[in-house]
mmCIF file of all heavy atoms, coordinates in Angstrom:
data_MODEL
# 
_entry.id   MODEL 
# 
loop_
_atom_site.group_PDB 
_atom_site.id 
_atom_site.type_symbol 
_atom_site.label_atom_id 
_atom_site.label_alt_id 
_atom_site.label_comp_id 
_atom_site.label_asym_id 
_atom_site.label_entity_id 
_atom_site.label_seq_id 
_atom_site.pdbx_PDB_ins_code 
_atom_site.Cartn_x 
_atom_site.Cartn_y 
_atom_site.Cartn_z 
_atom_site.occupancy 
_atom_site.B_iso_or_equiv 
_atom_site.pdbx_formal_charge 
_atom_site.auth_seq_id 
_atom_site.auth_comp_id 
_atom_site.auth_asym_id 
_atom_site.auth_atom_id 
_atom_site.pdbx_PDB_model_num 
ATOM 1   N N   . ASP A 1 1  ? -13.985 -12.996 23.666 1.00 0.00 ? 1  ASP A N   1 
ATOM 2   C CA  . ASP A 1 1  ? -13.677 -13.850 24.830 1.00 0.00 ? 1  ASP A CA  1 
ATOM 3   C C   . ASP A 1 1  ? -14.889 -13.790 25.900 1.00 0.00 ? 1  ASP A C   1 
ATOM 4   O O   . ASP A 1 1  ? -14.717 -13.718 27.078 1.00 0.00 ? 1  ASP A O   1 
ATOM 5   C CB  . ASP A 1 1  ? -12.480 -13.636 25.527 1.00 0.00 ? 1  ASP A CB  1 
ATOM 6   C CG  . ASP A 1 1  ? -11.185 -13.837 24.634 1.00 0.00 ? 1  ASP A CG  1 
ATOM 7   O OD1 . ASP A 1 1  ? -11.271 -14.757 23.775 1.00 0.00 ? 1  ASP A OD1 1 
ATOM 8   O OD2 . ASP A 1 1  ? -10.225 -13.145 24.746 1.00 0.00 ? 1  ASP A OD2 1 
ATOM 9   N N   . GLY A 1 2  ? -16.126 -13.680 25.285 1.00 0.00 ? 2  GLY A N   1 
ATOM 10  C CA  . GLY A 1 2  ? -17.206 -13.642 26.257 1.00 0.00 ? 2  GLY A CA  1 
ATOM 11  C C   . GLY A 1 2  ? -17.488 -12.304 26.786 1.00 0.00 ? 2  GLY A C   1 
ATOM 12  O O   . GLY A 1 2  ? -18.473 -12.177 27.580 1.00 0.00 ? 2  GLY A O   1 
ATOM 13  N N   . LYS A 1 3  ? -16.917 -11.285 26.342 1.00 0.00 ? 3  LYS A N   1 
ATOM 14  C CA  . LYS A 1 3  ? -17.073 -9.917  26.958 1.00 0.00 ? 3  LYS A CA  1 
ATOM 15  C C   . LYS A 1 3  ? -17.305 -8.913  25.796 1.00 0.00 ? 3  LYS A C   1 
ATOM 16  O O   . LYS A 1 3  ? -16.762 -9.044  24.625 1.00 0.00 ? 3  LYS A O   1 
ATOM 17  C CB  . LYS A 1 3  ? -15.815 -9.473  27.600 1.00 0.00 ? 3  LYS A CB  1 
ATOM 18  C CG  . LYS A 1 3  ? -15.925 -8.125  28.251 1.00 0.00 ? 3  LYS A CG  1 
ATOM 19  C CD  . LYS A 1 3  ? -14.681 -7.809  29.095 1.00 0.00 ? 3  LYS A CD  1 
ATOM 20  C CE  . LYS A 1 3  ? -14.789 -6.351  29.664 1.00 0.00 ? 3  LYS A CE  1 
ATOM 21  N NZ  . LYS A 1 3  ? -13.437 -5.970  30.356 1.00 0.00 ? 3  LYS A NZ  1 
ATOM 22  N N   . LEU A 1 4  ? -18.438 -8.107  26.048 1.00 0.00 ? 4  LEU A N   1 
ATOM 23  C CA  . LEU A 1 4  ? -18.723 -7.116  25.013 1.00 0.00 ? 4  LEU A CA  1 
ATOM 24  C C   . LEU A 1 4  ? -17.700 -5.949  25.076 1.00 0.00 ? 4  LEU A C   1 
ATOM 25  O O   . LEU A 1 4  ? -17.478 -5.335  26.044 1.00 0.00 ? 4  LEU A O   1 
ATOM 26  C CB  . LEU A 1 4  ? -20.114 -6.469  25.318 1.00 0.00 ? 4  LEU A CB  1 
ATOM 27  C CG  . LEU A 1 4  ? -20.714 -5.544  24.304 1.00 0.00 ? 4  LEU A CG  1 
ATOM 28  C CD1 . LEU A 1 4  ? -20.913 -6.283  22.987 1.00 0.00 ? 4  LEU A CD1 1 
ATOM 29  C CD2 . LEU A 1 4  ? -21.952 -4.897  24.735 1.00 0.00 ? 4  LEU A CD2 1 
ATOM 30  N N   . VAL A 1 5  ? -17.018 -5.826  23.990 1.00 0.00 ? 5  VAL A N   1 
ATOM 31  C CA  . VAL A 1 5  ? -15.970 -4.864  23.912 1.00 0.00 ? 5  VAL A CA  1 
ATOM 32  C C   . VAL A 1 5  ? -16.412 -3.669  22.968 1.00 0.00 ? 5  VAL A C   1 
ATOM 33  O O   . VAL A 1 5  ? -16.767 -3.940  21.760 1.00 0.00 ? 5  VAL A O   1 
ATOM 34  C CB  . VAL A 1 5  ? -14.554 -5.448  23.325 1.00 0.00 ? 5  VAL A CB  1 
ATOM 35  C CG1 . VAL A 1 5  ? -13.477 -4.445  23.130 1.00 0.00 ? 5  VAL A CG1 1 
ATOM 36  C CG2 . VAL A 1 5  ? -14.186 -6.545  24.366 1.00 0.00 ? 5  VAL A CG2 1 
ATOM 37  N N   . GLU A 1 6  ? -16.305 -2.378  23.472 1.00 0.00 ? 6  GLU A N   1 
ATOM 38  C CA  . GLU A 1 6  ? -16.575 -1.322  22.548 1.00 0.00 ? 6  GLU A CA  1 
ATOM 39  C C   . GLU A 1 6  ? -15.409 -0.945  21.648 1.00 0.00 ? 6  GLU A C   1 
ATOM 40  O O   . GLU A 1 6  ? -14.196 -1.129  22.043 1.00 0.00 ? 6  GLU A O   1 
ATOM 41  C CB  . GLU A 1 6  ? -16.849 -0.054  23.377 1.00 0.00 ? 6  GLU A CB  1 
ATOM 42  C CG  . GLU A 1 6  ? -18.214 -0.205  24.418 1.00 0.00 ? 6  GLU A CG  1 
ATOM 43  C CD  . GLU A 1 6  ? -19.399 -0.165  23.560 1.00 0.00 ? 6  GLU A CD  1 
ATOM 44  O OE1 . GLU A 1 6  ? -19.467 0.556   22.534 1.00 0.00 ? 6  GLU A OE1 1 
ATOM 45  O OE2 . GLU A 1 6  ? -20.487 -0.485  24.055 1.00 0.00 ? 6  GLU A OE2 1 
ATOM 46  N N   . MET A 1 7  ? -15.700 -0.442  20.456 1.00 0.00 ? 7  MET A N   1 
ATOM 47  C CA  . MET A 1 7  ? -14.686 -0.061  19.610 1.00 0.00 ? 7  MET A CA  1 
ATOM 48  C C   . MET A 1 7  ? -14.149 1.443   19.991 1.00 0.00 ? 7  MET A C   1 
ATOM 49  O O   . MET A 1 7  ? -14.443 2.302   19.336 1.00 0.00 ? 7  MET A O   1 
ATOM 50  C CB  . MET A 1 7  ? -15.091 -0.125  18.081 1.00 0.00 ? 7  MET A CB  1 
ATOM 51  C CG  . MET A 1 7  ? -14.087 0.326   17.134 1.00 0.00 ? 7  MET A CG  1 
ATOM 52  S SD  . MET A 1 7  ? -12.663 -0.669  17.049 1.00 0.00 ? 7  MET A SD  1 
ATOM 53  C CE  . MET A 1 7  ? -13.262 -1.974  15.830 1.00 0.00 ? 7  MET A CE  1 
ATOM 54  N N   . GLU A 1 8  ? -13.456 1.377   21.008 1.00 0.00 ? 8  GLU A N   1 
ATOM 55  C CA  . GLU A 1 8  ? -12.881 2.709   21.628 1.00 0.00 ? 8  GLU A CA  1 
ATOM 56  C C   . GLU A 1 8  ? -11.433 2.618   21.713 1.00 0.00 ? 8  GLU A C   1 
ATOM 57  O O   . GLU A 1 8  ? -10.907 1.478   22.292 1.00 0.00 ? 8  GLU A O   1 
ATOM 58  C CB  . GLU A 1 8  ? -13.522 2.959   22.951 1.00 0.00 ? 8  GLU A CB  1 
ATOM 59  C CG  . GLU A 1 8  ? -15.021 3.081   23.041 1.00 0.00 ? 8  GLU A CG  1 
ATOM 60  C CD  . GLU A 1 8  ? -15.649 3.310   24.360 1.00 0.00 ? 8  GLU A CD  1 
ATOM 61  O OE1 . GLU A 1 8  ? -14.977 2.817   25.389 1.00 0.00 ? 8  GLU A OE1 1 
ATOM 62  O OE2 . GLU A 1 8  ? -16.625 3.794   24.524 1.00 0.00 ? 8  GLU A OE2 1 
ATOM 63  N N   . MET A 1 9  ? -10.704 3.490   21.223 1.00 0.00 ? 9  MET A N   1 
ATOM 64  C CA  . MET A 1 9  ? -9.215  3.438   21.299 1.00 0.00 ? 9  MET A CA  1 
ATOM 65  C C   . MET A 1 9  ? -8.523  4.834   21.441 1.00 0.00 ? 9  MET A C   1 
ATOM 66  O O   . MET A 1 9  ? -9.196  5.874   21.121 1.00 0.00 ? 9  MET A O   1 
ATOM 67  C CB  . MET A 1 9  ? -8.752  2.676   19.990 1.00 0.00 ? 9  MET A CB  1 
ATOM 68  C CG  . MET A 1 9  ? -9.021  3.525   18.704 1.00 0.00 ? 9  MET A CG  1 
ATOM 69  S SD  . MET A 1 9  ? -8.610  2.504   17.245 1.00 0.00 ? 9  MET A SD  1 
ATOM 70  C CE  . MET A 1 9  ? -9.770  1.230   17.242 1.00 0.00 ? 9  MET A CE  1 
ATOM 71  N N   . GLU A 1 10 ? -7.295  4.738   21.981 1.00 0.00 ? 10 GLU A N   1 
ATOM 72  C CA  . GLU A 1 10 ? -6.618  6.058   22.190 1.00 0.00 ? 10 GLU A CA  1 
ATOM 73  C C   . GLU A 1 10 ? -5.669  6.320   20.908 1.00 0.00 ? 10 GLU A C   1 
ATOM 74  O O   . GLU A 1 10 ? -5.050  5.320   20.424 1.00 0.00 ? 10 GLU A O   1 
ATOM 75  C CB  . GLU A 1 10 ? -5.911  5.972   23.414 1.00 0.00 ? 10 GLU A CB  1 
ATOM 76  C CG  . GLU A 1 10 ? -6.683  5.952   24.740 1.00 0.00 ? 10 GLU A CG  1 
ATOM 77  C CD  . GLU A 1 10 ? -5.933  5.995   25.942 1.00 0.00 ? 10 GLU A CD  1 
ATOM 78  O OE1 . GLU A 1 10 ? -4.646  5.796   25.851 1.00 0.00 ? 10 GLU A OE1 1 
ATOM 79  O OE2 . GLU A 1 10 ? -6.490  6.264   27.050 1.00 0.00 ? 10 GLU A OE2 1 
ATOM 80  N N   . TYR A 1 11 ? -5.460  7.563   20.571 1.00 0.00 ? 11 TYR A N   1 
ATOM 81  C CA  . TYR A 1 11 ? -4.625  8.020   19.582 1.00 0.00 ? 11 TYR A CA  1 
ATOM 82  C C   . TYR A 1 11 ? -3.576  8.932   20.285 1.00 0.00 ? 11 TYR A C   1 
ATOM 83  O O   . TYR A 1 11 ? -3.898  9.990   20.773 1.00 0.00 ? 11 TYR A O   1 
ATOM 84  C CB  . TYR A 1 11 ? -5.296  8.684   18.544 1.00 0.00 ? 11 TYR A CB  1 
ATOM 85  C CG  . TYR A 1 11 ? -4.557  9.103   17.340 1.00 0.00 ? 11 TYR A CG  1 
ATOM 86  C CD1 . TYR A 1 11 ? -4.714  8.663   15.955 1.00 0.00 ? 11 TYR A CD1 1 
ATOM 87  C CD2 . TYR A 1 11 ? -3.450  9.998   17.451 1.00 0.00 ? 11 TYR A CD2 1 
ATOM 88  C CE1 . TYR A 1 11 ? -4.026  9.086   14.932 1.00 0.00 ? 11 TYR A CE1 1 
ATOM 89  C CE2 . TYR A 1 11 ? -2.705  10.412  16.326 1.00 0.00 ? 11 TYR A CE2 1 
ATOM 90  C CZ  . TYR A 1 11 ? -2.886  9.939   15.172 1.00 0.00 ? 11 TYR A CZ  1 
ATOM 91  O OH  . TYR A 1 11 ? -2.212  10.279  14.011 1.00 0.00 ? 11 TYR A OH  1 
ATOM 92  N N   . MET A 1 12 ? -2.342  8.477   20.450 1.00 0.00 ? 12 MET A N   1 
ATOM 93  C CA  . MET A 1 12 ? -1.357  9.319   21.027 1.00 0.00 ? 12 MET A CA  1 
ATOM 94  C C   . MET A 1 12 ? -0.732  10.372  20.073 1.00 0.00 ? 12 MET A C   1 
ATOM 95  O O   . MET A 1 12 ? -0.415  10.017  19.013 1.00 0.00 ? 12 MET A O   1 
ATOM 96  C CB  . MET A 1 12 ? -0.150  8.404   21.602 1.00 0.00 ? 12 MET A CB  1 
ATOM 97  C CG  . MET A 1 12 ? -0.637  7.461   22.654 1.00 0.00 ? 12 MET A CG  1 
ATOM 98  S SD  . MET A 1 12 ? 0.734   6.458   23.319 1.00 0.00 ? 12 MET A SD  1 
ATOM 99  C CE  . MET A 1 12 ? 1.378   5.707   21.984 1.00 0.00 ? 12 MET A CE  1 
ATOM 100 N N   . VAL A 1 13 ? -0.547  11.567  20.652 1.00 0.00 ? 13 VAL A N   1 
ATOM 101 C CA  . VAL A 1 13 ? -0.027  12.583  19.896 1.00 0.00 ? 13 VAL A CA  1 
ATOM 102 C C   . VAL A 1 13 ? 1.008   13.341  20.640 1.00 0.00 ? 13 VAL A C   1 
ATOM 103 O O   . VAL A 1 13 ? 1.083   13.346  21.973 1.00 0.00 ? 13 VAL A O   1 
ATOM 104 C CB  . VAL A 1 13 ? -1.062  13.666  19.483 1.00 0.00 ? 13 VAL A CB  1 
ATOM 105 C CG1 . VAL A 1 13 ? -2.137  13.044  18.542 1.00 0.00 ? 13 VAL A CG1 1 
ATOM 106 C CG2 . VAL A 1 13 ? -1.688  14.322  20.690 1.00 0.00 ? 13 VAL A CG2 1 
ATOM 107 N N   . THR A 1 14 ? 2.029   14.100  19.911 1.00 0.00 ? 14 THR A N   1 
ATOM 108 C CA  . THR A 1 14 ? 3.032   14.766  20.544 1.00 0.00 ? 14 THR A CA  1 
ATOM 109 C C   . THR A 1 14 ? 2.548   16.278  20.813 1.00 0.00 ? 14 THR A C   1 
ATOM 110 O O   . THR A 1 14 ? 2.072   16.922  19.891 1.00 0.00 ? 14 THR A O   1 
ATOM 111 C CB  . THR A 1 14 ? 4.278   14.907  19.615 1.00 0.00 ? 14 THR A CB  1 
ATOM 112 O OG1 . THR A 1 14 ? 4.783   13.597  19.462 1.00 0.00 ? 14 THR A OG1 1 
ATOM 113 C CG2 . THR A 1 14 ? 5.329   15.678  20.334 1.00 0.00 ? 14 THR A CG2 1 
ATOM 114 N N   . PRO A 1 15 ? 2.546   16.685  22.055 1.00 0.00 ? 15 PRO A N   1 
ATOM 115 C CA  . PRO A 1 15 ? 2.017   18.037  22.407 1.00 0.00 ? 15 PRO A CA  1 
ATOM 116 C C   . PRO A 1 15 ? 2.724   19.171  21.510 1.00 0.00 ? 15 PRO A C   1 
ATOM 117 O O   . PRO A 1 15 ? 3.951   19.067  21.433 1.00 0.00 ? 15 PRO A O   1 
ATOM 118 C CB  . PRO A 1 15 ? 2.292   18.162  23.855 1.00 0.00 ? 15 PRO A CB  1 
ATOM 119 C CG  . PRO A 1 15 ? 2.313   16.840  24.429 1.00 0.00 ? 15 PRO A CG  1 
ATOM 120 C CD  . PRO A 1 15 ? 3.089   16.071  23.296 1.00 0.00 ? 15 PRO A CD  1 
ATOM 121 N N   . GLY A 1 16 ? 1.934   20.039  20.995 1.00 0.00 ? 16 GLY A N   1 
ATOM 122 C CA  . GLY A 1 16 ? 2.611   21.312  20.444 1.00 0.00 ? 16 GLY A CA  1 
ATOM 123 C C   . GLY A 1 16 ? 2.766   21.025  18.923 1.00 0.00 ? 16 GLY A C   1 
ATOM 124 O O   . GLY A 1 16 ? 3.298   22.016  18.201 1.00 0.00 ? 16 GLY A O   1 
ATOM 125 N N   . SER A 1 17 ? 2.553   19.819  18.497 1.00 0.00 ? 17 SER A N   1 
ATOM 126 C CA  . SER A 1 17 ? 2.910   19.605  17.002 1.00 0.00 ? 17 SER A CA  1 
ATOM 127 C C   . SER A 1 17 ? 1.677   19.859  16.142 1.00 0.00 ? 17 SER A C   1 
ATOM 128 O O   . SER A 1 17 ? 0.640   19.304  16.450 1.00 0.00 ? 17 SER A O   1 
ATOM 129 C CB  . SER A 1 17 ? 3.253   18.143  16.761 1.00 0.00 ? 17 SER A CB  1 
ATOM 130 O OG  . SER A 1 17 ? 3.187   17.928  15.340 1.00 0.00 ? 17 SER A OG  1 
ATOM 131 N N   . ILE A 1 18 ? 1.655   20.982  15.357 1.00 0.00 ? 18 ILE A N   1 
ATOM 132 C CA  . ILE A 1 18 ? 0.568   21.335  14.411 1.00 0.00 ? 18 ILE A CA  1 
ATOM 133 C C   . ILE A 1 18 ? 0.160   20.152  13.573 1.00 0.00 ? 18 ILE A C   1 
ATOM 134 O O   . ILE A 1 18 ? -1.091  19.875  13.543 1.00 0.00 ? 18 ILE A O   1 
ATOM 135 C CB  . ILE A 1 18 ? 0.925   22.550  13.572 1.00 0.00 ? 18 ILE A CB  1 
ATOM 136 C CG1 . ILE A 1 18 ? 1.263   23.797  14.454 1.00 0.00 ? 18 ILE A CG1 1 
ATOM 137 C CG2 . ILE A 1 18 ? -0.255  22.844  12.662 1.00 0.00 ? 18 ILE A CG2 1 
ATOM 138 C CD1 . ILE A 1 18 ? 1.799   25.000  13.670 1.00 0.00 ? 18 ILE A CD1 1 
ATOM 139 N N   . PHE A 1 19 ? 1.032   19.480  13.046 1.00 0.00 ? 19 PHE A N   1 
ATOM 140 C CA  . PHE A 1 19 ? 0.686   18.422  12.175 1.00 0.00 ? 19 PHE A CA  1 
ATOM 141 C C   . PHE A 1 19 ? 0.048   17.138  12.897 1.00 0.00 ? 19 PHE A C   1 
ATOM 142 O O   . PHE A 1 19 ? -1.048  16.742  12.454 1.00 0.00 ? 19 PHE A O   1 
ATOM 143 C CB  . PHE A 1 19 ? 1.885   17.816  11.508 1.00 0.00 ? 19 PHE A CB  1 
ATOM 144 C CG  . PHE A 1 19 ? 1.818   16.492  10.718 1.00 0.00 ? 19 PHE A CG  1 
ATOM 145 C CD1 . PHE A 1 19 ? 0.932   16.374  9.763  1.00 0.00 ? 19 PHE A CD1 1 
ATOM 146 C CD2 . PHE A 1 19 ? 2.517   15.448  11.219 1.00 0.00 ? 19 PHE A CD2 1 
ATOM 147 C CE1 . PHE A 1 19 ? 0.679   15.179  9.094  1.00 0.00 ? 19 PHE A CE1 1 
ATOM 148 C CE2 . PHE A 1 19 ? 2.411   14.217  10.497 1.00 0.00 ? 19 PHE A CE2 1 
ATOM 149 C CZ  . PHE A 1 19 ? 1.395   14.024  9.498  1.00 0.00 ? 19 PHE A CZ  1 
ATOM 150 N N   . ALA A 1 20 ? 0.626   16.843  14.069 1.00 0.00 ? 20 ALA A N   1 
ATOM 151 C CA  . ALA A 1 20 ? 0.114   15.699  14.948 1.00 0.00 ? 20 ALA A CA  1 
ATOM 152 C C   . ALA A 1 20 ? -1.353  16.155  15.335 1.00 0.00 ? 20 ALA A C   1 
ATOM 153 O O   . ALA A 1 20 ? -2.194  15.173  15.276 1.00 0.00 ? 20 ALA A O   1 
ATOM 154 C CB  . ALA A 1 20 ? 0.845   15.433  15.987 1.00 0.00 ? 20 ALA A CB  1 
ATOM 155 N N   . SER A 1 21 ? -1.604  17.325  15.718 1.00 0.00 ? 21 SER A N   1 
ATOM 156 C CA  . SER A 1 21 ? -2.793  17.680  16.158 1.00 0.00 ? 21 SER A CA  1 
ATOM 157 C C   . SER A 1 21 ? -3.927  17.658  15.028 1.00 0.00 ? 21 SER A C   1 
ATOM 158 O O   . SER A 1 21 ? -4.939  17.192  15.160 1.00 0.00 ? 21 SER A O   1 
ATOM 159 C CB  . SER A 1 21 ? -2.765  19.208  16.735 1.00 0.00 ? 21 SER A CB  1 
ATOM 160 O OG  . SER A 1 21 ? -4.106  19.621  17.059 1.00 0.00 ? 21 SER A OG  1 
ATOM 161 N N   . THR A 1 22 ? -3.538  18.223  13.947 1.00 0.00 ? 22 THR A N   1 
ATOM 162 C CA  . THR A 1 22 ? -4.394  18.232  12.599 1.00 0.00 ? 22 THR A CA  1 
ATOM 163 C C   . THR A 1 22 ? -4.824  16.838  12.261 1.00 0.00 ? 22 THR A C   1 
ATOM 164 O O   . THR A 1 22 ? -5.867  16.523  12.021 1.00 0.00 ? 22 THR A O   1 
ATOM 165 C CB  . THR A 1 22 ? -3.803  18.957  11.480 1.00 0.00 ? 22 THR A CB  1 
ATOM 166 O OG1 . THR A 1 22 ? -3.406  20.275  11.847 1.00 0.00 ? 22 THR A OG1 1 
ATOM 167 C CG2 . THR A 1 22 ? -4.591  19.012  10.313 1.00 0.00 ? 22 THR A CG2 1 
ATOM 168 N N   . LEU A 1 23 ? -3.747  16.024  12.208 1.00 0.00 ? 23 LEU A N   1 
ATOM 169 C CA  . LEU A 1 23 ? -3.977  14.580  11.704 1.00 0.00 ? 23 LEU A CA  1 
ATOM 170 C C   . LEU A 1 23 ? -4.924  13.927  12.699 1.00 0.00 ? 23 LEU A C   1 
ATOM 171 O O   . LEU A 1 23 ? -5.778  13.138  12.280 1.00 0.00 ? 23 LEU A O   1 
ATOM 172 C CB  . LEU A 1 23 ? -2.650  13.869  11.576 1.00 0.00 ? 23 LEU A CB  1 
ATOM 173 C CG  . LEU A 1 23 ? -2.673  12.275  11.317 1.00 0.00 ? 23 LEU A CG  1 
ATOM 174 C CD1 . LEU A 1 23 ? -3.364  12.133  10.070 1.00 0.00 ? 23 LEU A CD1 1 
ATOM 175 C CD2 . LEU A 1 23 ? -1.348  11.751  11.335 1.00 0.00 ? 23 LEU A CD2 1 
ATOM 176 N N   . SER A 1 24 ? -4.624  13.981  13.949 1.00 0.00 ? 24 SER A N   1 
ATOM 177 C CA  . SER A 1 24 ? -5.449  13.208  14.918 1.00 0.00 ? 24 SER A CA  1 
ATOM 178 C C   . SER A 1 24 ? -6.943  13.665  14.950 1.00 0.00 ? 24 SER A C   1 
ATOM 179 O O   . SER A 1 24 ? -7.814  12.897  15.096 1.00 0.00 ? 24 SER A O   1 
ATOM 180 C CB  . SER A 1 24 ? -4.795  13.427  16.364 1.00 0.00 ? 24 SER A CB  1 
ATOM 181 O OG  . SER A 1 24 ? -4.789  14.771  16.785 1.00 0.00 ? 24 SER A OG  1 
ATOM 182 N N   . GLU A 1 25 ? -7.056  15.064  14.762 1.00 0.00 ? 25 GLU A N   1 
ATOM 183 C CA  . GLU A 1 25 ? -8.451  15.488  14.783 1.00 0.00 ? 25 GLU A CA  1 
ATOM 184 C C   . GLU A 1 25 ? -9.185  14.998  13.487 1.00 0.00 ? 25 GLU A C   1 
ATOM 185 O O   . GLU A 1 25 ? -10.401 14.751  13.559 1.00 0.00 ? 25 GLU A O   1 
ATOM 186 C CB  . GLU A 1 25 ? -8.449  17.018  14.811 1.00 0.00 ? 25 GLU A CB  1 
ATOM 187 C CG  . GLU A 1 25 ? -8.006  17.666  16.118 1.00 0.00 ? 25 GLU A CG  1 
ATOM 188 C CD  . GLU A 1 25 ? -9.086  17.366  17.275 1.00 0.00 ? 25 GLU A CD  1 
ATOM 189 O OE1 . GLU A 1 25 ? -10.232 16.869  17.016 1.00 0.00 ? 25 GLU A OE1 1 
ATOM 190 O OE2 . GLU A 1 25 ? -8.689  17.590  18.411 1.00 0.00 ? 25 GLU A OE2 1 
ATOM 191 N N   . VAL A 1 26 ? -8.495  14.959  12.416 1.00 0.00 ? 26 VAL A N   1 
ATOM 192 C CA  . VAL A 1 26 ? -9.247  14.567  11.171 1.00 0.00 ? 26 VAL A CA  1 
ATOM 193 C C   . VAL A 1 26 ? -9.487  13.050  11.263 1.00 0.00 ? 26 VAL A C   1 
ATOM 194 O O   . VAL A 1 26 ? -10.613 12.614  10.880 1.00 0.00 ? 26 VAL A O   1 
ATOM 195 C CB  . VAL A 1 26 ? -8.252  14.638  9.864  1.00 0.00 ? 26 VAL A CB  1 
ATOM 196 C CG1 . VAL A 1 26 ? -8.791  14.107  8.662  1.00 0.00 ? 26 VAL A CG1 1 
ATOM 197 C CG2 . VAL A 1 26 ? -8.091  16.346  9.660  1.00 0.00 ? 26 VAL A CG2 1 
ATOM 198 N N   . MET A 1 27 ? -8.644  12.348  11.893 1.00 0.00 ? 27 MET A N   1 
ATOM 199 C CA  . MET A 1 27 ? -8.884  10.915  11.967 1.00 0.00 ? 27 MET A CA  1 
ATOM 200 C C   . MET A 1 27 ? -10.005 10.687  12.963 1.00 0.00 ? 27 MET A C   1 
ATOM 201 O O   . MET A 1 27 ? -10.899 9.792   12.842 1.00 0.00 ? 27 MET A O   1 
ATOM 202 C CB  . MET A 1 27 ? -7.633  10.114  12.486 1.00 0.00 ? 27 MET A CB  1 
ATOM 203 C CG  . MET A 1 27 ? -7.904  8.542   12.579 1.00 0.00 ? 27 MET A CG  1 
ATOM 204 S SD  . MET A 1 27 ? -6.417  7.719   12.164 1.00 0.00 ? 27 MET A SD  1 
ATOM 205 C CE  . MET A 1 27 ? -7.081  6.020   12.087 1.00 0.00 ? 27 MET A CE  1 
# 
C-alpha cells in the first residue's frame, strides 16, 4: 500500500515453559 514494510514479527510465548522457549528460539 505504498509503504515499505520490514519482515519483522512478534512470536508470543508463555513464560516459564521450557518447550515454548526452546521452540521460539529455534524458530
